[in-house]
Structures are given as C-alpha cells and as structure tokens.
Amino acid sequence: MRKRNRFARLGTLSIALLLALCVTGIGYAAWTDEVSFEGTAKSGYIEVVLSPGACSGPQITCSVSAPHTLVVTLMDAPPGTYTCGFTITNTGTIPVKIQSIDISGVLPTGVEVSVLGVVEGMQIEQAGVYPDNVDGMVQVMVLESCIVSCAFEVAFSFVQYNMYIE
C-alpha cells in the first residue's frame, strides 16, 4: 500500500509542477508581448513659393509681401480691366492643395477683384512631378468712370494634399 501512495503523491506533484510551468510560460508570454525594431523613417516637407508675373499695364503692379501673399496696387486707373499674373510653385516633397484664397483691403466702389486660373482645392504636385506649378491671374475691373487708386492683398493658404478640408 505504501508504494501506491508514493506513486500517487509523485503523480500529483508532477501534475502540480507541470501546471506551474505552464502558468509561468503563459505569464512570460504575456509580459513580453512587445516587438521592437530599429530603423529610420523620413517624412517630407511643404514649401510653396509664390512669384509675381507680368501685369497688363503701368496702372497695376504686383509684388509678394509675405510668403503666400500678393500685394496688388492700382494707380490712377481709368475704367477698364487690369490683370497681374502669378505663379505658385511647390518646391517641397509633398503635394499640396490650396486651402483658401482671401482678398483683403479696402476697395473703392466700382472696383471688382477676382482670381483666375487657380481655385480652392486645386492640387499642386511635389517638386519634379507634373504639374509642380500653376499659373494664375488677379483680374481687377474698374467699373466707375472716375480714376481709381487702391491697394489690396491676395493671400493663399496651403495644406498637405491629404489634410485638405472641403
């Protein structure tokens, strides 16, 4: 009878040790559930250049005051239509979209301003990918019969192509 007891105790002890080893393995696996690796990740950058272009006459001039703002000046302009061209170039490594186009400044009565050739939401590809630049035009219409002088700004804002909000 004693031999049977010894083996029964040995079997119970073996099962207990086996269960303890399994629980230890499960605990270790749960404790080391992370993966680590070494490497480098590169991201791109956004860089948009706004350049003034040719103007339709001596009454209108165009210059860049801030990185993305055109300053348009109209001097002694009789009634008619005046234009100033500009170019938007993406020299960065990420495509961009035009988020907004804002015209600000005090315009005299009888003067209408519009931006042609570019619209909000237009995508400009990264440098080296066609089209990485777009041409636009600021059009000023003087409707009144008096001679007009004024200055105003056309400000553009750009965002990464996949961050554009409609």
N, C-alpha and C. Protein backbone atom coordinates (compact mmCIF):
# COMPACT_ATOMS: atom_id res chain seq x y z
N MET A 1 0.78 -1.18 0.00
CA MET A 1 0.00 0.00 0.00
C MET A 1 0.84 1.27 0.00
N ARG A 2 1.91 1.18 0.67
CA ARG A 2 2.75 2.37 0.71
C ARG A 2 3.30 2.71 -0.66
N LYS A 3 3.58 1.73 -1.48
CA LYS A 3 4.11 2.01 -2.80
C LYS A 3 3.08 2.77 -3.64
N ARG A 4 1.87 2.41 -3.47
CA ARG A 4 0.83 3.07 -4.22
C ARG A 4 0.72 4.54 -3.78
N ASN A 5 0.82 4.81 -2.54
CA ASN A 5 0.77 6.16 -2.02
C ASN A 5 1.93 7.01 -2.55
N ARG A 6 3.09 6.42 -2.63
CA ARG A 6 4.25 7.15 -3.13
C ARG A 6 4.03 7.58 -4.57
N PHE A 7 3.53 6.65 -5.38
CA PHE A 7 3.30 6.98 -6.78
C PHE A 7 2.15 7.97 -6.94
N ALA A 8 1.17 7.88 -6.10
CA ALA A 8 0.05 8.82 -6.15
C ALA A 8 0.54 10.22 -5.81
N ARG A 9 1.38 10.31 -4.78
CA ARG A 9 1.95 11.61 -4.42
C ARG A 9 2.86 12.12 -5.54
N LEU A 10 3.63 11.24 -6.12
CA LEU A 10 4.54 11.62 -7.19
C LEU A 10 3.75 12.10 -8.40
N GLY A 11 2.65 11.47 -8.74
CA GLY A 11 1.80 11.89 -9.85
C GLY A 11 1.17 13.25 -9.59
N THR A 12 0.69 13.46 -8.38
CA THR A 12 0.09 14.74 -8.01
C THR A 12 1.14 15.83 -8.05
N LEU A 13 2.32 15.54 -7.54
CA LEU A 13 3.41 16.52 -7.55
C LEU A 13 3.84 16.83 -8.99
N SER A 14 3.88 15.85 -9.84
CA SER A 14 4.26 16.06 -11.24
C SER A 14 3.23 16.94 -11.95
N ILE A 15 1.97 16.69 -11.72
CA ILE A 15 0.92 17.50 -12.34
C ILE A 15 0.98 18.93 -11.83
N ALA A 16 1.22 19.10 -10.55
CA ALA A 16 1.33 20.44 -9.97
C ALA A 16 2.52 21.20 -10.56
N LEU A 17 3.66 20.53 -10.72
CA LEU A 17 4.85 21.16 -11.32
C LEU A 17 4.60 21.49 -12.79
N LEU A 18 3.93 20.62 -13.50
CA LEU A 18 3.62 20.86 -14.90
C LEU A 18 2.69 22.07 -15.05
N LEU A 19 1.67 22.16 -14.20
CA LEU A 19 0.76 23.30 -14.22
C LEU A 19 1.50 24.60 -13.87
N ALA A 20 2.40 24.55 -12.91
CA ALA A 20 3.18 25.73 -12.53
C ALA A 20 4.06 26.18 -13.69
N LEU A 21 4.65 25.24 -14.38
CA LEU A 21 5.49 25.58 -15.54
C LEU A 21 4.64 26.19 -16.67
N CYS A 22 3.45 25.68 -16.90
CA CYS A 22 2.56 26.23 -17.93
C CYS A 22 2.14 27.65 -17.57
N VAL A 23 1.76 27.85 -16.32
CA VAL A 23 1.36 29.19 -15.89
C VAL A 23 2.52 30.16 -16.00
N THR A 24 3.72 29.72 -15.67
CA THR A 24 4.91 30.56 -15.81
C THR A 24 5.14 30.91 -17.28
N GLY A 25 4.98 29.98 -18.18
CA GLY A 25 5.15 30.23 -19.62
C GLY A 25 4.12 31.21 -20.15
N ILE A 26 2.88 31.07 -19.73
CA ILE A 26 1.82 31.98 -20.17
C ILE A 26 2.09 33.38 -19.63
N GLY A 27 2.48 33.48 -18.39
CA GLY A 27 2.80 34.78 -17.79
C GLY A 27 3.97 35.45 -18.49
N TYR A 28 5.00 34.69 -18.82
CA TYR A 28 6.15 35.25 -19.52
C TYR A 28 5.76 35.72 -20.92
N ALA A 29 4.92 34.95 -21.60
CA ALA A 29 4.48 35.33 -22.94
C ALA A 29 3.66 36.63 -22.89
N ALA A 30 2.83 36.76 -21.90
CA ALA A 30 2.02 37.98 -21.77
C ALA A 30 2.90 39.17 -21.39
N TRP A 31 3.92 38.94 -20.62
CA TRP A 31 4.80 40.00 -20.15
C TRP A 31 5.70 40.52 -21.28
N THR A 32 6.05 39.70 -22.23
CA THR A 32 6.94 40.09 -23.32
C THR A 32 6.17 40.16 -24.64
N ASP A 33 5.02 40.83 -24.65
CA ASP A 33 4.21 40.88 -25.86
C ASP A 33 4.52 42.09 -26.75
N GLU A 34 5.67 42.69 -26.62
CA GLU A 34 6.02 43.82 -27.48
C GLU A 34 7.13 43.44 -28.45
N VAL A 35 7.13 44.13 -29.57
CA VAL A 35 8.13 43.90 -30.60
C VAL A 35 8.92 45.20 -30.75
N SER A 36 10.19 45.09 -30.85
CA SER A 36 10.99 46.30 -31.06
C SER A 36 11.87 46.11 -32.28
N PHE A 37 12.11 47.22 -32.97
CA PHE A 37 12.97 47.19 -34.14
C PHE A 37 13.66 48.54 -34.24
N GLU A 38 14.72 48.56 -34.98
CA GLU A 38 15.47 49.79 -35.19
C GLU A 38 15.41 50.16 -36.66
N GLY A 39 15.31 51.45 -36.93
CA GLY A 39 15.25 51.92 -38.31
C GLY A 39 15.06 53.42 -38.33
N THR A 40 14.98 53.96 -39.50
CA THR A 40 14.73 55.39 -39.65
C THR A 40 13.53 55.59 -40.57
N ALA A 41 12.78 56.62 -40.27
CA ALA A 41 11.64 56.99 -41.10
C ALA A 41 11.83 58.45 -41.51
N LYS A 42 11.63 58.71 -42.76
CA LYS A 42 11.76 60.07 -43.26
C LYS A 42 10.41 60.58 -43.69
N SER A 43 10.15 61.82 -43.37
CA SER A 43 8.92 62.44 -43.83
C SER A 43 9.29 63.57 -44.77
N GLY A 44 8.32 64.03 -45.50
CA GLY A 44 8.58 65.11 -46.45
C GLY A 44 8.36 66.47 -45.82
N TYR A 45 8.41 67.48 -46.65
CA TYR A 45 8.18 68.83 -46.16
C TYR A 45 7.40 69.61 -47.22
N ILE A 46 6.72 70.65 -46.74
CA ILE A 46 5.93 71.50 -47.62
C ILE A 46 6.66 72.82 -47.77
N GLU A 47 6.86 73.23 -49.02
CA GLU A 47 7.45 74.53 -49.30
C GLU A 47 6.84 75.04 -50.60
N VAL A 48 6.07 76.10 -50.48
CA VAL A 48 5.38 76.67 -51.63
C VAL A 48 5.91 78.08 -51.86
N VAL A 49 6.25 78.38 -53.11
CA VAL A 49 6.80 79.69 -53.47
C VAL A 49 5.79 80.40 -54.38
N LEU A 50 5.48 81.64 -54.04
CA LEU A 50 4.58 82.47 -54.82
C LEU A 50 5.41 83.53 -55.53
N SER A 51 5.29 83.61 -56.86
CA SER A 51 6.07 84.57 -57.65
C SER A 51 5.14 85.46 -58.46
N PRO A 52 5.39 86.78 -58.44
CA PRO A 52 4.56 87.67 -59.27
C PRO A 52 4.94 87.51 -60.73
N GLY A 53 3.99 87.79 -61.59
CA GLY A 53 4.23 87.69 -63.03
C GLY A 53 4.01 89.03 -63.70
N ALA A 54 3.77 88.99 -64.98
CA ALA A 54 3.59 90.21 -65.78
C ALA A 54 2.23 90.84 -65.50
N CYS A 55 2.22 92.17 -65.56
CA CYS A 55 0.98 92.93 -65.38
C CYS A 55 0.58 93.55 -66.72
N SER A 56 -0.71 93.86 -66.86
CA SER A 56 -1.24 94.30 -68.15
C SER A 56 -0.94 95.75 -68.50
N GLY A 57 -0.45 96.52 -67.57
CA GLY A 57 -0.17 97.92 -67.88
C GLY A 57 0.52 98.62 -66.73
N PRO A 58 0.90 99.89 -66.95
CA PRO A 58 1.62 100.62 -65.91
C PRO A 58 0.72 101.01 -64.73
N GLN A 59 -0.61 100.90 -64.89
CA GLN A 59 -1.52 101.28 -63.80
C GLN A 59 -1.56 100.23 -62.69
N ILE A 60 -1.12 99.01 -62.95
CA ILE A 60 -1.23 97.93 -61.97
C ILE A 60 0.13 97.30 -61.74
N THR A 61 0.46 97.06 -60.47
CA THR A 61 1.70 96.38 -60.10
C THR A 61 1.38 95.28 -59.09
N CYS A 62 2.29 94.32 -59.02
CA CYS A 62 2.07 93.18 -58.15
C CYS A 62 3.40 92.80 -57.51
N SER A 63 3.40 92.52 -56.20
CA SER A 63 4.61 92.08 -55.50
C SER A 63 4.22 91.08 -54.42
N VAL A 64 5.21 90.39 -53.88
CA VAL A 64 4.97 89.42 -52.82
C VAL A 64 5.43 90.04 -51.51
N SER A 65 4.52 90.10 -50.51
CA SER A 65 4.90 90.71 -49.23
C SER A 65 5.20 89.67 -48.17
N ALA A 66 4.41 88.66 -48.06
CA ALA A 66 4.64 87.56 -47.12
C ALA A 66 4.85 86.32 -47.99
N PRO A 67 5.20 85.20 -47.37
CA PRO A 67 5.47 84.02 -48.20
C PRO A 67 4.35 83.67 -49.18
N HIS A 68 3.10 83.88 -48.81
CA HIS A 68 2.00 83.47 -49.68
C HIS A 68 0.99 84.59 -49.91
N THR A 69 1.46 85.83 -49.96
CA THR A 69 0.56 86.97 -50.12
C THR A 69 1.03 87.87 -51.26
N LEU A 70 0.12 88.14 -52.18
CA LEU A 70 0.38 89.10 -53.25
C LEU A 70 -0.17 90.46 -52.84
N VAL A 71 0.57 91.51 -53.10
CA VAL A 71 0.09 92.87 -52.89
C VAL A 71 -0.10 93.48 -54.28
N VAL A 72 -1.33 93.86 -54.58
CA VAL A 72 -1.67 94.43 -55.88
C VAL A 72 -1.99 95.90 -55.67
N THR A 73 -1.36 96.74 -56.46
CA THR A 73 -1.57 98.19 -56.36
C THR A 73 -2.08 98.70 -57.70
N LEU A 74 -3.13 99.47 -57.63
CA LEU A 74 -3.74 100.08 -58.80
C LEU A 74 -3.57 101.59 -58.65
N MET A 75 -2.93 102.23 -59.62
CA MET A 75 -2.64 103.68 -59.54
C MET A 75 -3.25 104.41 -60.73
N ASP A 76 -4.06 105.42 -60.45
CA ASP A 76 -4.65 106.28 -61.49
C ASP A 76 -5.23 105.47 -62.64
N ALA A 77 -6.08 104.51 -62.32
CA ALA A 77 -6.62 103.61 -63.33
C ALA A 77 -7.99 104.09 -63.80
N PRO A 78 -8.12 104.41 -65.08
CA PRO A 78 -9.44 104.73 -65.62
C PRO A 78 -10.25 103.44 -65.76
N PRO A 79 -11.54 103.52 -66.04
CA PRO A 79 -12.35 102.30 -66.20
C PRO A 79 -11.74 101.34 -67.21
N GLY A 80 -11.81 100.06 -66.86
CA GLY A 80 -11.25 99.02 -67.73
C GLY A 80 -10.90 97.79 -66.91
N THR A 81 -10.27 96.83 -67.57
CA THR A 81 -9.87 95.59 -66.91
C THR A 81 -8.35 95.52 -66.87
N TYR A 82 -7.81 95.23 -65.69
CA TYR A 82 -6.36 95.16 -65.47
C TYR A 82 -6.04 93.79 -64.88
N THR A 83 -4.89 93.23 -65.28
CA THR A 83 -4.52 91.91 -64.79
C THR A 83 -3.07 91.87 -64.35
N CYS A 84 -2.82 91.00 -63.40
CA CYS A 84 -1.46 90.69 -62.95
C CYS A 84 -1.35 89.17 -62.83
N GLY A 85 -0.34 88.62 -63.44
CA GLY A 85 -0.13 87.18 -63.36
C GLY A 85 0.69 86.80 -62.15
N PHE A 86 0.63 85.54 -61.79
CA PHE A 86 1.45 84.99 -60.71
C PHE A 86 1.63 83.50 -60.94
N THR A 87 2.65 82.95 -60.30
CA THR A 87 2.93 81.52 -60.38
C THR A 87 3.07 80.97 -58.98
N ILE A 88 2.43 79.83 -58.73
CA ILE A 88 2.58 79.11 -57.47
C ILE A 88 3.39 77.86 -57.78
N THR A 89 4.54 77.70 -57.10
CA THR A 89 5.42 76.56 -57.33
C THR A 89 5.60 75.79 -56.03
N ASN A 90 5.42 74.48 -56.11
CA ASN A 90 5.65 73.61 -54.96
C ASN A 90 7.07 73.08 -55.05
N THR A 91 7.96 73.55 -54.21
CA THR A 91 9.35 73.08 -54.20
C THR A 91 9.57 72.04 -53.10
N GLY A 92 8.51 71.66 -52.40
CA GLY A 92 8.60 70.66 -51.34
C GLY A 92 8.54 69.25 -51.88
N THR A 93 8.43 68.30 -50.96
CA THR A 93 8.42 66.88 -51.33
C THR A 93 7.05 66.23 -51.11
N ILE A 94 6.05 67.05 -50.77
CA ILE A 94 4.69 66.55 -50.53
C ILE A 94 3.73 67.38 -51.39
N PRO A 95 2.79 66.74 -52.08
CA PRO A 95 1.79 67.51 -52.83
C PRO A 95 0.98 68.39 -51.87
N VAL A 96 0.54 69.55 -52.35
CA VAL A 96 -0.26 70.46 -51.54
C VAL A 96 -1.56 70.79 -52.26
N LYS A 97 -2.52 71.26 -51.49
CA LYS A 97 -3.76 71.78 -52.06
C LYS A 97 -3.94 73.20 -51.55
N ILE A 98 -4.60 74.02 -52.36
CA ILE A 98 -4.91 75.38 -51.95
C ILE A 98 -6.09 75.30 -50.99
N GLN A 99 -5.85 75.67 -49.72
CA GLN A 99 -6.91 75.62 -48.71
C GLN A 99 -7.84 76.82 -48.84
N SER A 100 -7.26 78.02 -49.05
CA SER A 100 -8.11 79.20 -49.19
C SER A 100 -7.41 80.29 -49.99
N ILE A 101 -8.23 81.16 -50.57
CA ILE A 101 -7.76 82.35 -51.29
C ILE A 101 -8.56 83.51 -50.71
N ASP A 102 -7.88 84.43 -50.04
CA ASP A 102 -8.55 85.55 -49.38
C ASP A 102 -8.10 86.88 -49.97
N ILE A 103 -9.08 87.69 -50.34
CA ILE A 103 -8.80 89.04 -50.84
C ILE A 103 -9.14 90.00 -49.72
N SER A 104 -8.17 90.84 -49.31
CA SER A 104 -8.41 91.77 -48.22
C SER A 104 -7.91 93.16 -48.60
N GLY A 105 -8.45 94.13 -47.96
CA GLY A 105 -8.09 95.52 -48.24
C GLY A 105 -9.34 96.31 -48.56
N VAL A 106 -9.22 97.61 -48.56
CA VAL A 106 -10.36 98.49 -48.85
C VAL A 106 -10.40 98.75 -50.34
N LEU A 107 -11.47 98.29 -50.96
CA LEU A 107 -11.65 98.51 -52.40
C LEU A 107 -12.68 99.62 -52.60
N PRO A 108 -12.36 100.57 -53.46
CA PRO A 108 -13.32 101.64 -53.73
C PRO A 108 -14.57 101.09 -54.41
N THR A 109 -15.64 101.83 -54.33
CA THR A 109 -16.88 101.46 -55.01
C THR A 109 -16.62 101.40 -56.52
N GLY A 110 -17.13 100.36 -57.12
CA GLY A 110 -16.97 100.22 -58.57
C GLY A 110 -15.73 99.45 -58.97
N VAL A 111 -15.05 98.82 -58.00
CA VAL A 111 -13.86 98.00 -58.32
C VAL A 111 -14.17 96.56 -57.91
N GLU A 112 -14.01 95.65 -58.85
CA GLU A 112 -14.23 94.23 -58.59
C GLU A 112 -12.93 93.47 -58.83
N VAL A 113 -12.62 92.55 -57.90
CA VAL A 113 -11.39 91.77 -57.98
C VAL A 113 -11.74 90.29 -58.03
N SER A 114 -11.08 89.56 -58.89
CA SER A 114 -11.25 88.11 -58.95
C SER A 114 -9.91 87.45 -59.22
N VAL A 115 -9.80 86.19 -58.80
CA VAL A 115 -8.59 85.40 -59.04
C VAL A 115 -8.96 84.33 -60.05
N LEU A 116 -8.21 84.26 -61.14
CA LEU A 116 -8.49 83.32 -62.22
C LEU A 116 -7.35 82.30 -62.35
N GLY A 117 -7.68 81.11 -62.79
CA GLY A 117 -6.65 80.10 -63.08
C GLY A 117 -6.35 79.17 -61.92
N VAL A 118 -6.66 79.57 -60.70
CA VAL A 118 -6.48 78.70 -59.53
C VAL A 118 -7.75 78.77 -58.69
N VAL A 119 -8.07 77.66 -58.03
CA VAL A 119 -9.25 77.60 -57.18
C VAL A 119 -8.92 76.86 -55.90
N GLU A 120 -9.73 77.08 -54.87
CA GLU A 120 -9.56 76.33 -53.63
C GLU A 120 -9.73 74.85 -53.91
N GLY A 121 -8.88 74.04 -53.32
CA GLY A 121 -8.92 72.60 -53.53
C GLY A 121 -8.03 72.11 -54.66
N MET A 122 -7.44 73.03 -55.42
CA MET A 122 -6.55 72.64 -56.52
C MET A 122 -5.28 72.01 -55.95
N GLN A 123 -4.88 70.88 -56.50
CA GLN A 123 -3.69 70.19 -56.03
C GLN A 123 -2.48 70.58 -56.87
N ILE A 124 -1.37 70.83 -56.20
CA ILE A 124 -0.10 71.13 -56.85
C ILE A 124 0.88 70.05 -56.41
N GLU A 125 1.39 69.31 -57.35
CA GLU A 125 2.26 68.17 -57.04
C GLU A 125 3.60 68.61 -56.46
N GLN A 126 4.32 67.65 -55.89
CA GLN A 126 5.63 67.95 -55.31
C GLN A 126 6.65 68.25 -56.41
N ALA A 127 7.76 68.83 -56.01
CA ALA A 127 8.80 69.23 -56.96
C ALA A 127 9.21 68.05 -57.84
N GLY A 128 9.29 68.32 -59.13
CA GLY A 128 9.72 67.29 -60.08
C GLY A 128 8.60 66.43 -60.63
N VAL A 129 7.39 66.59 -60.13
CA VAL A 129 6.24 65.82 -60.61
C VAL A 129 5.27 66.80 -61.26
N TYR A 130 4.84 66.50 -62.48
CA TYR A 130 3.97 67.41 -63.22
C TYR A 130 2.56 67.36 -62.65
N PRO A 131 1.85 68.44 -62.46
CA PRO A 131 2.31 69.83 -62.52
C PRO A 131 2.77 70.32 -61.13
N ASP A 132 4.01 70.69 -61.01
CA ASP A 132 4.52 71.19 -59.72
C ASP A 132 4.40 72.71 -59.62
N ASN A 133 3.80 73.33 -60.64
CA ASN A 133 3.49 74.76 -60.55
C ASN A 133 2.23 75.06 -61.35
N VAL A 134 1.56 76.13 -60.95
CA VAL A 134 0.36 76.57 -61.65
C VAL A 134 0.43 78.08 -61.83
N ASP A 135 -0.14 78.54 -62.92
CA ASP A 135 -0.18 79.98 -63.20
C ASP A 135 -1.59 80.48 -62.95
N GLY A 136 -1.66 81.66 -62.38
CA GLY A 136 -2.95 82.29 -62.13
C GLY A 136 -2.88 83.75 -62.48
N MET A 137 -4.01 84.42 -62.28
CA MET A 137 -4.09 85.83 -62.63
C MET A 137 -5.06 86.53 -61.68
N VAL A 138 -4.66 87.74 -61.24
CA VAL A 138 -5.55 88.59 -60.49
C VAL A 138 -6.15 89.57 -61.50
N GLN A 139 -7.46 89.59 -61.57
CA GLN A 139 -8.14 90.48 -62.52
C GLN A 139 -8.88 91.56 -61.73
N VAL A 140 -8.62 92.81 -62.10
CA VAL A 140 -9.27 93.95 -61.46
C VAL A 140 -10.09 94.67 -62.51
N MET A 141 -11.37 94.82 -62.23
CA MET A 141 -12.26 95.55 -63.15
C MET A 141 -12.66 96.86 -62.49
N VAL A 142 -12.32 97.96 -63.16
CA VAL A 142 -12.73 99.28 -62.69
C VAL A 142 -13.96 99.65 -63.50
N LEU A 143 -15.11 99.76 -62.82
CA LEU A 143 -16.38 99.99 -63.50
C LEU A 143 -16.79 101.45 -63.53
N GLU A 144 -16.41 102.20 -62.51
CA GLU A 144 -16.83 103.60 -62.40
C GLU A 144 -16.07 104.47 -63.39
N SER A 145 -16.60 105.61 -63.66
CA SER A 145 -15.98 106.50 -64.63
C SER A 145 -14.90 107.40 -64.01
N CYS A 146 -14.68 107.28 -62.68
CA CYS A 146 -13.63 108.10 -62.06
C CYS A 146 -12.32 107.33 -62.05
N ILE A 147 -11.23 108.05 -61.89
CA ILE A 147 -9.91 107.42 -61.83
C ILE A 147 -9.71 106.88 -60.42
N VAL A 148 -9.23 105.63 -60.32
CA VAL A 148 -9.15 104.92 -59.05
C VAL A 148 -7.71 104.61 -58.69
N SER A 149 -7.38 104.73 -57.39
CA SER A 149 -6.10 104.27 -56.85
C SER A 149 -6.41 103.46 -55.59
N CYS A 150 -5.82 102.28 -55.48
CA CYS A 150 -6.05 101.44 -54.30
C CYS A 150 -4.98 100.34 -54.23
N ALA A 151 -4.91 99.71 -53.09
CA ALA A 151 -4.01 98.57 -52.89
C ALA A 151 -4.78 97.51 -52.10
N PHE A 152 -4.54 96.26 -52.41
CA PHE A 152 -5.18 95.16 -51.69
C PHE A 152 -4.26 93.95 -51.72
N GLU A 153 -4.61 92.96 -50.90
CA GLU A 153 -3.80 91.74 -50.80
C GLU A 153 -4.62 90.52 -51.21
N VAL A 154 -3.92 89.58 -51.82
CA VAL A 154 -4.50 88.28 -52.13
C VAL A 154 -3.64 87.25 -51.40
N ALA A 155 -4.21 86.64 -50.36
CA ALA A 155 -3.45 85.69 -49.53
C ALA A 155 -3.89 84.26 -49.83
N PHE A 156 -2.92 83.39 -50.00
CA PHE A 156 -3.16 81.98 -50.26
C PHE A 156 -2.72 81.18 -49.04
N SER A 157 -3.47 80.14 -48.70
CA SER A 157 -3.00 79.21 -47.68
C SER A 157 -3.00 77.81 -48.30
N PHE A 158 -2.00 77.03 -47.91
CA PHE A 158 -1.79 75.71 -48.49
C PHE A 158 -1.75 74.67 -47.39
N VAL A 159 -2.19 73.45 -47.69
CA VAL A 159 -2.12 72.34 -46.76
C VAL A 159 -1.65 71.10 -47.52
N GLN A 160 -1.14 70.16 -46.77
CA GLN A 160 -0.77 68.88 -47.33
C GLN A 160 -1.99 68.28 -48.02
N TYR A 161 -1.80 67.63 -49.17
CA TYR A 161 -2.91 67.18 -50.01
C TYR A 161 -3.93 66.34 -49.27
N ASN A 162 -3.50 65.50 -48.33
CA ASN A 162 -4.43 64.62 -47.64
C ASN A 162 -4.98 65.24 -46.35
N MET A 163 -4.67 66.50 -46.10
CA MET A 163 -5.20 67.21 -44.92
C MET A 163 -6.22 68.27 -45.35
N TYR A 164 -6.54 68.33 -46.63
CA TYR A 164 -7.46 69.33 -47.15
C TYR A 164 -8.86 69.12 -46.61
N ILE A 165 -9.48 70.20 -46.15
CA ILE A 165 -10.84 70.16 -45.63
C ILE A 165 -11.73 70.95 -46.56
N GLU A 166 -12.75 70.31 -47.08
CA GLU A 166 -13.66 71.00 -48.01
C GLU A 166 -14.69 71.80 -47.26
